[in-house]
């Protein structure tokens, strides 16, 4: 049960961080280069939710898959 909760939290983090990454892509037509964009996104806390969420979903999905076999 706790792994499902962790998976859902990871999903929420991934969605929130992904929306932030996509919304900050609006800086690209305004003149940002890809390097400037990546450096800017790296400094934003809400954008770190995306990789944290992906990692949390990956780890908990391994645990969910392993625990359901027994």
Protein backbone atom coordinates (compact mmCIF):
# COMPACT_ATOMS: atom_id res chain seq x y z
CA UNK A 1 0.00 0.00 0.00
CA UNK A 2 2.82 2.42 0.85
CA UNK A 3 4.43 1.72 -2.53
CA UNK A 4 1.26 2.74 -4.34
CA UNK A 5 1.23 5.98 -2.38
CA UNK A 6 4.87 6.57 -3.31
CA UNK A 7 4.07 5.86 -6.94
CA UNK A 8 1.21 8.37 -6.92
CA UNK A 9 3.39 11.01 -5.24
CA UNK A 10 6.05 10.39 -7.88
CA UNK A 11 3.43 10.73 -10.60
CA UNK A 12 2.28 14.05 -9.15
CA UNK A 13 5.86 15.31 -8.98
CA UNK A 14 6.46 14.23 -12.57
CA UNK A 15 3.35 16.00 -13.84
CA UNK A 16 4.12 19.17 -11.90
CA UNK A 17 7.75 19.28 -13.00
CA UNK A 18 6.87 18.42 -16.59
CA UNK A 19 4.34 21.23 -16.79
CA UNK A 20 6.97 23.63 -15.47
CA UNK A 21 9.52 22.44 -18.02
CA UNK A 22 7.05 22.84 -20.86
CA UNK A 23 5.88 26.25 -19.71
CA UNK A 24 9.46 27.52 -19.45
CA UNK A 25 10.00 26.44 -23.07
CA UNK A 26 8.18 29.66 -23.94
CA UNK A 27 11.52 31.37 -23.33
CA UNK A 28 12.98 29.69 -26.41
CA UNK A 29 11.01 31.78 -28.96
CA UNK A 30 11.85 34.86 -26.88
CA UNK A 31 15.53 34.46 -27.70
CA UNK A 32 16.92 31.94 -25.20
CA UNK A 33 19.27 29.34 -26.60
CA UNK A 34 18.96 25.70 -25.53
CA UNK A 35 22.01 26.12 -23.31
CA UNK A 36 20.53 29.18 -21.59
CA UNK A 37 17.23 27.34 -21.21
CA UNK A 38 18.85 24.31 -19.59
CA UNK A 39 20.90 26.50 -17.24
CA UNK A 40 17.77 28.43 -16.26
CA UNK A 41 15.71 25.28 -15.72
CA UNK A 42 18.51 23.78 -13.63
CA UNK A 43 18.22 26.69 -11.22
CA UNK A 44 14.43 26.36 -10.76
CA UNK A 45 13.31 24.17 -7.85
CA UNK A 46 9.98 23.20 -9.38
CA UNK A 47 11.73 21.76 -12.44
CA UNK A 48 13.66 19.33 -10.23
CA UNK A 49 10.34 17.70 -9.37
CA UNK A 50 10.33 16.01 -12.79
CA UNK A 51 13.48 13.85 -12.37
CA UNK A 52 12.67 13.24 -8.70
CA UNK A 53 9.20 12.03 -9.66
CA UNK A 54 10.51 9.79 -12.44
CA UNK A 55 13.02 8.26 -10.04
CA UNK A 56 10.37 7.75 -7.34
CA UNK A 57 7.99 6.13 -9.83
CA UNK A 58 10.75 3.86 -11.13
CA UNK A 59 11.85 2.70 -7.67
CA UNK A 60 8.34 2.12 -6.38
CA UNK A 61 7.27 0.32 -9.55
CA UNK A 62 10.14 -2.11 -9.03
CA UNK A 63 8.98 -2.66 -5.45
CA UNK A 64 5.33 -3.04 -6.50
CA UNK A 65 6.25 -5.58 -9.18
CA UNK A 66 8.46 -7.51 -6.78
CA UNK A 67 5.98 -7.58 -3.90
CA UNK A 68 3.06 -8.75 -6.06
CA UNK A 69 4.96 -11.90 -7.11
CA UNK A 70 4.90 -13.32 -3.57
